[in-house]
N, C-alpha and C. Protein backbone atom coordinates (compact mmCIF):
# COMPACT_ATOMS: atom_id res chain seq x y z
N MET A 1 31.82 -118.94 272.49
CA MET A 1 31.27 -117.62 272.22
C MET A 1 29.95 -117.81 271.48
N ASP A 2 28.97 -117.04 271.88
CA ASP A 2 27.60 -117.18 271.36
C ASP A 2 27.12 -115.83 270.85
N ILE A 3 27.48 -115.49 269.60
CA ILE A 3 27.10 -114.20 269.01
C ILE A 3 25.72 -114.33 268.40
N ARG A 4 24.86 -113.37 268.76
CA ARG A 4 23.49 -113.37 268.25
C ARG A 4 23.21 -112.03 267.57
N GLN A 5 22.88 -112.09 266.30
CA GLN A 5 22.67 -110.91 265.48
C GLN A 5 21.29 -110.30 265.74
N LEU A 6 21.23 -109.00 266.05
CA LEU A 6 19.95 -108.30 266.21
C LEU A 6 19.63 -107.47 264.97
N SER A 7 20.67 -107.00 264.30
CA SER A 7 20.51 -106.24 263.06
C SER A 7 21.75 -106.51 262.22
N PRO A 8 21.77 -106.03 260.98
CA PRO A 8 22.96 -106.27 260.17
C PRO A 8 24.25 -105.66 260.76
N THR A 9 24.11 -104.66 261.62
CA THR A 9 25.29 -103.98 262.15
C THR A 9 25.46 -104.10 263.66
N TYR A 10 24.61 -104.90 264.32
CA TYR A 10 24.67 -105.00 265.78
C TYR A 10 24.36 -106.43 266.22
N ALA A 11 25.26 -106.95 267.04
CA ALA A 11 25.06 -108.29 267.61
C ALA A 11 25.37 -108.24 269.10
N VAL A 12 24.88 -109.22 269.83
CA VAL A 12 25.11 -109.31 271.26
C VAL A 12 25.68 -110.68 271.60
N SER A 13 26.28 -110.73 272.79
CA SER A 13 26.89 -111.97 273.23
C SER A 13 26.93 -112.01 274.75
N PRO A 14 26.91 -113.22 275.32
CA PRO A 14 27.27 -113.33 276.73
C PRO A 14 28.74 -112.94 276.88
N GLN A 15 29.21 -112.91 278.11
CA GLN A 15 30.58 -112.52 278.44
C GLN A 15 31.60 -113.11 277.46
N ILE A 16 32.49 -112.28 276.98
CA ILE A 16 33.57 -112.75 276.13
C ILE A 16 34.88 -112.75 276.93
N GLY A 17 35.86 -113.43 276.40
CA GLY A 17 37.18 -113.46 277.01
C GLY A 17 38.23 -113.03 276.01
N VAL A 18 39.42 -112.82 276.48
CA VAL A 18 40.54 -112.42 275.62
C VAL A 18 40.70 -113.42 274.47
N GLU A 19 40.50 -114.67 274.76
CA GLU A 19 40.67 -115.71 273.73
C GLU A 19 39.66 -115.60 272.59
N ASP A 20 38.57 -114.86 272.80
CA ASP A 20 37.54 -114.69 271.77
C ASP A 20 37.84 -113.55 270.79
N ILE A 21 38.76 -112.67 271.14
CA ILE A 21 39.00 -111.47 270.34
C ILE A 21 39.41 -111.79 268.90
N PRO A 22 40.31 -112.74 268.64
CA PRO A 22 40.64 -113.03 267.23
C PRO A 22 39.42 -113.44 266.40
N ALA A 23 38.55 -114.26 266.96
CA ALA A 23 37.36 -114.70 266.22
C ALA A 23 36.39 -113.53 266.00
N ILE A 24 36.30 -112.63 266.97
CA ILE A 24 35.44 -111.45 266.82
C ILE A 24 35.96 -110.58 265.68
N ALA A 25 37.26 -110.37 265.64
CA ALA A 25 37.85 -109.58 264.55
C ALA A 25 37.66 -110.28 263.21
N GLU A 26 37.87 -111.59 263.17
CA GLU A 26 37.69 -112.35 261.93
C GLU A 26 36.26 -112.32 261.44
N ALA A 27 35.30 -112.21 262.36
CA ALA A 27 33.89 -112.15 261.99
C ALA A 27 33.51 -110.78 261.42
N GLY A 28 34.44 -109.83 261.45
CA GLY A 28 34.18 -108.54 260.83
C GLY A 28 33.73 -107.43 261.75
N PHE A 29 33.66 -107.72 263.04
CA PHE A 29 33.27 -106.66 263.98
C PHE A 29 34.39 -105.64 264.07
N LYS A 30 33.99 -104.37 264.22
CA LYS A 30 34.95 -103.28 264.31
C LYS A 30 34.95 -102.64 265.69
N THR A 31 33.83 -102.77 266.40
CA THR A 31 33.69 -102.17 267.73
C THR A 31 33.11 -103.21 268.68
N ILE A 32 33.64 -103.23 269.89
CA ILE A 32 33.09 -104.05 270.97
C ILE A 32 32.62 -103.10 272.06
N ILE A 33 31.40 -103.33 272.53
CA ILE A 33 30.87 -102.55 273.65
C ILE A 33 30.70 -103.49 274.84
N CYS A 34 31.32 -103.13 275.95
CA CYS A 34 31.17 -103.88 277.19
C CYS A 34 30.05 -103.27 278.00
N ASN A 35 28.98 -104.02 278.21
CA ASN A 35 27.86 -103.57 279.03
C ASN A 35 27.87 -104.23 280.41
N ARG A 36 28.93 -104.93 280.73
CA ARG A 36 29.00 -105.66 282.00
C ARG A 36 29.88 -104.93 283.01
N PRO A 37 29.34 -104.59 284.17
CA PRO A 37 30.17 -103.95 285.20
C PRO A 37 31.24 -104.90 285.72
N ASP A 38 32.42 -104.36 285.98
CA ASP A 38 33.52 -105.17 286.50
C ASP A 38 33.19 -105.85 287.82
N MET A 39 32.30 -105.24 288.61
CA MET A 39 31.99 -105.81 289.93
C MET A 39 31.34 -107.19 289.83
N GLU A 40 30.86 -107.56 288.63
CA GLU A 40 30.19 -108.85 288.45
C GLU A 40 31.13 -109.99 288.08
N ILE A 41 32.36 -109.69 287.75
CA ILE A 41 33.23 -110.68 287.15
C ILE A 41 34.63 -110.68 287.77
N PRO A 42 35.37 -111.77 287.58
CA PRO A 42 36.74 -111.81 288.12
C PRO A 42 37.65 -110.85 287.33
N PRO A 43 38.75 -110.46 287.91
CA PRO A 43 39.68 -109.54 287.25
C PRO A 43 40.12 -109.99 285.86
N SER A 44 40.18 -111.29 285.63
CA SER A 44 40.61 -111.80 284.32
C SER A 44 39.68 -111.37 283.18
N HIS A 45 38.46 -110.96 283.52
CA HIS A 45 37.49 -110.57 282.50
C HIS A 45 37.07 -109.10 282.62
N HIS A 46 37.77 -108.34 283.44
CA HIS A 46 37.44 -106.91 283.57
C HIS A 46 37.55 -106.22 282.21
N ALA A 47 36.81 -105.15 282.06
CA ALA A 47 36.78 -104.42 280.79
C ALA A 47 38.17 -104.01 280.34
N SER A 48 39.02 -103.59 281.24
CA SER A 48 40.36 -103.14 280.85
C SER A 48 41.18 -104.28 280.22
N VAL A 49 40.98 -105.50 280.68
CA VAL A 49 41.69 -106.65 280.13
C VAL A 49 41.20 -106.96 278.72
N ILE A 50 39.87 -106.97 278.55
CA ILE A 50 39.28 -107.23 277.24
C ILE A 50 39.63 -106.08 276.29
N GLU A 51 39.60 -104.85 276.80
CA GLU A 51 39.92 -103.69 275.98
C GLU A 51 41.34 -103.78 275.43
N ALA A 52 42.30 -104.14 276.26
CA ALA A 52 43.69 -104.25 275.80
C ALA A 52 43.81 -105.24 274.66
N ALA A 53 43.14 -106.37 274.77
CA ALA A 53 43.19 -107.38 273.71
C ALA A 53 42.49 -106.88 272.45
N ALA A 54 41.36 -106.20 272.62
CA ALA A 54 40.62 -105.67 271.47
C ALA A 54 41.45 -104.62 270.74
N MET A 55 42.04 -103.72 271.50
CA MET A 55 42.85 -102.66 270.88
C MET A 55 44.06 -103.26 270.15
N ALA A 56 44.68 -104.28 270.74
CA ALA A 56 45.81 -104.95 270.09
C ALA A 56 45.41 -105.60 268.78
N ALA A 57 44.13 -105.98 268.67
CA ALA A 57 43.61 -106.60 267.45
C ALA A 57 43.06 -105.57 266.47
N GLY A 58 43.19 -104.27 266.82
CA GLY A 58 42.72 -103.21 265.93
C GLY A 58 41.24 -102.90 266.05
N LEU A 59 40.62 -103.34 267.13
CA LEU A 59 39.19 -103.09 267.33
C LEU A 59 38.98 -101.90 268.26
N ASN A 60 37.89 -101.18 268.04
CA ASN A 60 37.47 -100.14 268.97
C ASN A 60 36.83 -100.82 270.17
N PHE A 61 36.93 -100.19 271.33
CA PHE A 61 36.34 -100.75 272.54
C PHE A 61 35.71 -99.63 273.34
N VAL A 62 34.45 -99.85 273.76
CA VAL A 62 33.70 -98.85 274.53
C VAL A 62 33.14 -99.55 275.76
N THR A 63 33.24 -98.90 276.90
CA THR A 63 32.69 -99.46 278.13
C THR A 63 31.48 -98.64 278.56
N ILE A 64 30.33 -99.29 278.63
CA ILE A 64 29.10 -98.69 279.13
C ILE A 64 28.48 -99.72 280.09
N PRO A 65 28.98 -99.77 281.33
CA PRO A 65 28.48 -100.78 282.27
C PRO A 65 27.02 -100.50 282.64
N ILE A 66 26.21 -101.54 282.54
CA ILE A 66 24.77 -101.40 282.76
C ILE A 66 24.31 -102.41 283.79
N THR A 67 23.52 -101.95 284.74
CA THR A 67 22.78 -102.84 285.62
C THR A 67 21.30 -102.58 285.35
N HIS A 68 20.47 -103.56 285.61
CA HIS A 68 19.05 -103.38 285.35
C HIS A 68 18.47 -102.22 286.15
N HIS A 69 19.01 -102.00 287.34
CA HIS A 69 18.47 -100.94 288.20
C HIS A 69 18.97 -99.56 287.81
N ALA A 70 20.12 -99.48 287.15
CA ALA A 70 20.70 -98.18 286.85
C ALA A 70 20.60 -97.78 285.38
N LEU A 71 19.99 -98.61 284.55
CA LEU A 71 19.87 -98.30 283.13
C LEU A 71 19.12 -97.00 282.94
N ASN A 72 19.69 -96.09 282.14
CA ASN A 72 19.02 -94.81 281.89
C ASN A 72 19.24 -94.41 280.43
N MET A 73 18.57 -93.36 280.02
CA MET A 73 18.62 -92.95 278.62
C MET A 73 19.98 -92.38 278.23
N ASP A 74 20.78 -91.91 279.17
CA ASP A 74 22.15 -91.49 278.83
C ASP A 74 22.95 -92.69 278.37
N MET A 75 22.75 -93.83 279.00
CA MET A 75 23.43 -95.06 278.59
C MET A 75 22.98 -95.48 277.20
N VAL A 76 21.68 -95.35 276.95
CA VAL A 76 21.13 -95.69 275.64
C VAL A 76 21.76 -94.78 274.58
N ALA A 77 21.84 -93.50 274.87
CA ALA A 77 22.45 -92.54 273.93
C ALA A 77 23.93 -92.87 273.71
N GLY A 78 24.63 -93.25 274.76
CA GLY A 78 26.03 -93.64 274.63
C GLY A 78 26.21 -94.86 273.76
N GLN A 79 25.31 -95.82 273.93
CA GLN A 79 25.36 -97.05 273.13
C GLN A 79 25.13 -96.71 271.65
N LYS A 80 24.12 -95.88 271.40
CA LYS A 80 23.82 -95.49 270.01
C LYS A 80 24.99 -94.74 269.40
N ALA A 81 25.61 -93.87 270.18
CA ALA A 81 26.76 -93.10 269.68
C ALA A 81 27.93 -94.04 269.34
N ALA A 82 28.17 -95.03 270.18
CA ALA A 82 29.24 -95.99 269.91
C ALA A 82 28.94 -96.79 268.65
N MET A 83 27.69 -97.17 268.49
CA MET A 83 27.30 -97.92 267.30
C MET A 83 27.46 -97.07 266.04
N SER A 84 26.95 -95.85 266.08
CA SER A 84 27.01 -95.01 264.88
C SER A 84 28.43 -94.53 264.60
N GLY A 85 29.28 -94.46 265.61
CA GLY A 85 30.66 -94.05 265.42
C GLY A 85 31.57 -95.17 264.95
N SER A 86 31.05 -96.37 264.90
CA SER A 86 31.85 -97.51 264.47
C SER A 86 31.98 -97.53 262.95
N ASP A 87 33.13 -97.96 262.46
CA ASP A 87 33.32 -98.07 261.02
C ASP A 87 32.96 -99.45 260.50
N GLY A 88 32.12 -100.13 261.25
CA GLY A 88 31.65 -101.45 260.85
C GLY A 88 30.76 -102.03 261.93
N PRO A 89 30.43 -103.30 261.85
CA PRO A 89 29.53 -103.93 262.81
C PRO A 89 30.03 -103.86 264.26
N THR A 90 29.08 -103.82 265.17
CA THR A 90 29.34 -103.71 266.60
C THR A 90 28.88 -104.96 267.31
N LEU A 91 29.70 -105.43 268.25
CA LEU A 91 29.33 -106.53 269.14
C LEU A 91 29.28 -105.99 270.56
N ALA A 92 28.14 -106.14 271.22
CA ALA A 92 28.00 -105.73 272.62
C ALA A 92 27.84 -106.98 273.46
N TYR A 93 28.41 -106.95 274.67
CA TYR A 93 28.30 -108.11 275.54
C TYR A 93 27.99 -107.70 276.97
N CYS A 94 27.39 -108.64 277.68
CA CYS A 94 27.12 -108.52 279.12
C CYS A 94 27.16 -109.95 279.67
N ALA A 95 26.40 -110.24 280.69
CA ALA A 95 26.42 -111.60 281.25
C ALA A 95 25.80 -112.62 280.30
N SER A 96 24.63 -112.28 279.76
CA SER A 96 23.92 -113.22 278.89
C SER A 96 23.59 -112.64 277.52
N GLY A 97 23.76 -111.34 277.35
CA GLY A 97 23.35 -110.66 276.13
C GLY A 97 22.05 -109.91 276.31
N THR A 98 21.35 -110.15 277.41
CA THR A 98 20.05 -109.52 277.63
C THR A 98 20.17 -108.00 277.79
N ARG A 99 21.06 -107.54 278.66
CA ARG A 99 21.20 -106.08 278.86
C ARG A 99 21.62 -105.39 277.56
N SER A 100 22.51 -106.03 276.81
CA SER A 100 22.93 -105.45 275.54
C SER A 100 21.77 -105.41 274.54
N SER A 101 20.86 -106.37 274.64
CA SER A 101 19.66 -106.36 273.80
C SER A 101 18.69 -105.28 274.25
N ILE A 102 18.54 -105.13 275.55
CA ILE A 102 17.61 -104.12 276.09
C ILE A 102 18.06 -102.72 275.70
N VAL A 103 19.33 -102.42 275.88
CA VAL A 103 19.81 -101.07 275.57
C VAL A 103 19.69 -100.80 274.07
N TRP A 104 19.91 -101.81 273.24
CA TRP A 104 19.70 -101.66 271.80
C TRP A 104 18.24 -101.40 271.49
N ALA A 105 17.35 -102.18 272.09
CA ALA A 105 15.91 -102.03 271.84
C ALA A 105 15.45 -100.61 272.20
N LEU A 106 15.88 -100.12 273.34
CA LEU A 106 15.50 -98.76 273.75
C LEU A 106 16.01 -97.72 272.75
N GLY A 107 17.19 -97.95 272.23
CA GLY A 107 17.76 -97.02 271.26
C GLY A 107 17.11 -97.07 269.89
N GLN A 108 16.43 -98.16 269.61
CA GLN A 108 15.77 -98.32 268.30
C GLN A 108 14.31 -97.88 268.30
N ALA A 109 13.78 -97.53 269.46
CA ALA A 109 12.34 -97.25 269.58
C ALA A 109 11.84 -96.17 268.65
N ASN A 110 12.67 -95.21 268.30
CA ASN A 110 12.25 -94.15 267.36
C ASN A 110 12.60 -94.48 265.92
N GLU A 111 13.26 -95.62 265.70
CA GLU A 111 13.72 -95.96 264.36
C GLU A 111 13.05 -97.21 263.79
N MET A 112 12.56 -98.06 264.66
CA MET A 112 11.91 -99.30 264.24
C MET A 112 10.58 -99.44 264.97
N SER A 113 9.68 -100.21 264.40
CA SER A 113 8.43 -100.47 265.11
C SER A 113 8.71 -101.39 266.29
N THR A 114 7.86 -101.30 267.29
CA THR A 114 8.01 -102.17 268.45
C THR A 114 7.93 -103.63 268.03
N ASP A 115 7.05 -103.94 267.08
CA ASP A 115 6.93 -105.32 266.60
C ASP A 115 8.24 -105.80 265.99
N ASP A 116 8.90 -104.94 265.21
CA ASP A 116 10.16 -105.34 264.58
C ASP A 116 11.26 -105.52 265.62
N ILE A 117 11.28 -104.66 266.63
CA ILE A 117 12.26 -104.79 267.71
C ILE A 117 12.03 -106.10 268.45
N MET A 118 10.77 -106.38 268.78
CA MET A 118 10.44 -107.63 269.48
C MET A 118 10.81 -108.85 268.64
N ALA A 119 10.56 -108.78 267.34
CA ALA A 119 10.88 -109.90 266.46
C ALA A 119 12.39 -110.13 266.39
N ALA A 120 13.17 -109.05 266.30
CA ALA A 120 14.63 -109.18 266.22
C ALA A 120 15.20 -109.77 267.49
N THR A 121 14.73 -109.30 268.63
CA THR A 121 15.28 -109.82 269.89
C THR A 121 14.80 -111.24 270.14
N ALA A 122 13.55 -111.53 269.80
CA ALA A 122 13.03 -112.89 269.98
C ALA A 122 13.79 -113.88 269.10
N ALA A 123 14.08 -113.49 267.86
CA ALA A 123 14.82 -114.37 266.94
C ALA A 123 16.21 -114.68 267.49
N ALA A 124 16.75 -113.76 268.29
CA ALA A 124 18.06 -113.97 268.89
C ALA A 124 17.96 -114.69 270.23
N GLY A 125 16.74 -114.99 270.68
CA GLY A 125 16.55 -115.74 271.92
C GLY A 125 16.32 -114.89 273.15
N TYR A 126 15.99 -113.61 272.96
CA TYR A 126 15.75 -112.71 274.09
C TYR A 126 14.29 -112.26 274.09
N ASP A 127 13.57 -112.58 275.15
CA ASP A 127 12.16 -112.21 275.28
C ASP A 127 12.07 -110.86 276.01
N LEU A 128 11.84 -109.81 275.23
CA LEU A 128 11.70 -108.48 275.81
C LEU A 128 10.24 -108.02 275.79
N GLY A 129 9.33 -108.97 275.75
CA GLY A 129 7.90 -108.66 275.68
C GLY A 129 7.43 -107.72 276.78
N GLY A 130 8.00 -107.81 277.96
CA GLY A 130 7.61 -106.93 279.06
C GLY A 130 7.98 -105.48 278.82
N MET A 131 8.82 -105.22 277.83
CA MET A 131 9.23 -103.85 277.52
C MET A 131 8.33 -103.17 276.51
N ARG A 132 7.35 -103.89 275.98
CA ARG A 132 6.50 -103.32 274.92
C ARG A 132 5.92 -101.97 275.30
N PRO A 133 5.32 -101.79 276.49
CA PRO A 133 4.76 -100.47 276.82
C PRO A 133 5.82 -99.36 276.82
N GLN A 134 7.00 -99.67 277.33
CA GLN A 134 8.07 -98.67 277.36
C GLN A 134 8.55 -98.33 275.95
N LEU A 135 8.69 -99.32 275.10
CA LEU A 135 9.11 -99.08 273.72
C LEU A 135 8.05 -98.29 272.97
N ASP A 136 6.78 -98.65 273.16
CA ASP A 136 5.69 -97.90 272.53
C ASP A 136 5.70 -96.44 272.98
N ALA A 137 5.93 -96.21 274.27
CA ALA A 137 5.96 -94.85 274.81
C ALA A 137 7.13 -94.07 274.21
N LEU A 138 8.30 -94.70 274.09
CA LEU A 138 9.46 -94.02 273.51
C LEU A 138 9.23 -93.71 272.03
N ALA A 139 8.57 -94.61 271.34
CA ALA A 139 8.29 -94.40 269.91
C ALA A 139 7.36 -93.22 269.71
N GLY A 140 6.49 -92.98 270.68
CA GLY A 140 5.55 -91.88 270.57
C GLY A 140 6.11 -90.54 271.01
N SER A 141 7.32 -90.55 271.59
CA SER A 141 7.88 -89.28 272.10
C SER A 141 8.68 -88.54 271.06
């Protein structure tokens, strides 16, 4: 498991498995957000399987499947709502952590400077430099 912190209350990870849930709970996460569509993965890693393990461990679980082509601001709002509704830190996952980083960055555009968003994602190993114009535009709206 490769958890990468973007903020004090939000981290991202590549695909997790049922076996990772105890460590996620021990790390203090309270909510897990699945950003990976089931169509990309085998049944053993479908959201419902991970959700059952998360719920058994006392964690909240939210499914917001994202593809690069279908990402929209409703998904961003859903992600923000899941984060703000959590009673502690949130871990979001997808294939590599990139989509979970992108949706976070879009949701932070009115709360953080584009430079700070870029710095946070870069420090976690995600280059979202191509999103700068979009983040700047969202910050101005």
